[in-house]
Amino acid sequence: MNLETVRVDFKRPLLIMKAPNGFLACGYINIETCNRTGDACALVNAGNFDDMRTALIVAVSHQAAALGIRIGDTGESALLKMQ
């Protein structure tokens, strides 16, 4: 899978897994901002990259929904749809 990972350490880490057509992120990212910019984004509650893959999606941007990503999907499923 073609992914770029970004981790920024705060009290809780900011985690992003970027695929060619969107990204999976933790709750630091605002879905409404992604809707305004047209980014495909799915959010999970996870503290590391491995957990992000198995965590359930808790929010999706409009563009992510257009790719078929739904709340309750796994992070892995969302990343596959963003390839």
Protein backbone atom coordinates (compact mmCIF):
# COMPACT_ATOMS: atom_id res chain seq x y z
CA MET A 1 0.00 0.00 0.00
CA ASN A 2 1.34 3.43 -0.93
CA LEU A 3 1.29 5.40 2.37
CA GLU A 4 3.11 8.32 3.94
CA THR A 5 2.91 8.60 7.74
CA VAL A 6 3.21 11.74 9.81
CA ARG A 7 3.50 11.84 13.59
CA VAL A 8 3.71 15.05 15.61
CA ASP A 9 4.20 14.58 19.34
CA PHE A 10 1.96 16.67 21.57
CA LYS A 11 0.43 15.47 24.86
CA ARG A 12 -1.34 12.99 22.55
CA PRO A 13 0.22 12.47 19.12
CA LEU A 14 -1.17 13.93 15.91
CA LEU A 15 -1.22 10.97 13.52
CA ILE A 16 -1.83 11.03 9.76
CA MET A 17 -1.62 8.20 7.25
CA LYS A 18 -1.69 9.74 3.78
CA ALA A 19 -2.75 7.65 0.79
CA PRO A 20 -2.73 8.89 -2.83
CA ASN A 21 -6.38 10.02 -2.73
CA GLY A 22 -6.97 11.00 0.88
CA PHE A 23 -5.86 10.50 4.46
CA LEU A 24 -6.70 8.74 7.69
CA ALA A 25 -6.13 10.80 10.83
CA CYS A 26 -6.73 11.08 14.53
CA GLY A 27 -9.17 13.50 16.14
CA TYR A 28 -6.85 16.52 15.92
CA ILE A 29 -8.10 17.01 12.35
CA ASN A 30 -11.35 18.90 11.79
CA ILE A 31 -13.74 17.24 9.31
CA GLU A 32 -15.45 20.55 8.47
CA THR A 33 -12.11 21.99 7.36
CA CYS A 34 -11.64 18.95 5.11
CA ASN A 35 -15.12 19.51 3.69
CA ARG A 36 -14.26 23.12 2.86
CA THR A 37 -10.98 22.15 1.20
CA GLY A 38 -12.40 19.11 -0.60
CA ASP A 39 -10.01 16.64 1.03
CA ALA A 40 -10.96 12.99 1.48
CA CYS A 41 -10.44 12.38 5.19
CA ALA A 42 -11.54 9.70 7.65
CA LEU A 43 -11.02 10.00 11.40
CA VAL A 44 -10.32 7.31 13.98
CA ASN A 45 -9.61 7.29 17.71
CA ALA A 46 -6.20 5.63 18.01
CA GLY A 47 -2.86 6.32 19.63
CA ASN A 48 -0.53 4.67 17.11
CA PHE A 49 -0.37 3.76 13.43
CA ASP A 50 -1.08 0.05 13.95
CA ASP A 51 -4.22 0.82 15.95
CA MET A 52 -5.36 3.30 13.28
CA ARG A 53 -5.65 0.43 10.78
CA THR A 54 -7.96 -1.61 13.00
CA ALA A 55 -9.89 1.27 14.60
CA LEU A 56 -13.38 2.09 13.41
CA ILE A 57 -14.00 5.28 11.46
CA VAL A 58 -15.82 7.88 13.58
CA ALA A 59 -16.16 10.69 11.00
CA VAL A 60 -15.73 11.13 7.25
CA SER A 61 -15.52 14.14 4.98
CA HIS A 62 -17.87 14.50 2.01
CA GLN A 63 -15.09 13.53 -0.40
CA ALA A 64 -14.26 10.42 1.65
CA ALA A 65 -17.94 9.45 1.58
CA ALA A 66 -17.85 9.83 -2.22
CA LEU A 67 -15.06 7.20 -2.24
CA GLY A 68 -17.39 4.81 -0.38
CA ILE A 69 -15.91 5.28 3.10
CA ARG A 70 -18.49 5.08 5.89
CA ILE A 71 -18.56 5.60 9.65
CA GLY A 72 -17.96 2.19 11.22
CA ASP A 73 -15.55 0.99 8.48
CA THR A 74 -12.02 0.13 9.62
CA GLY A 75 -9.10 2.43 9.02
CA GLU A 76 -7.56 -0.25 6.79
CA SER A 77 -10.70 -0.34 4.63
CA ALA A 78 -10.66 3.44 4.30
CA LEU A 79 -6.99 3.47 3.29
CA LEU A 80 -7.65 0.84 0.61
CA LYS A 81 -10.45 2.99 -0.83
CA MET A 82 -8.06 5.98 -0.88
CA GLN A 83 -5.44 4.15 -3.01
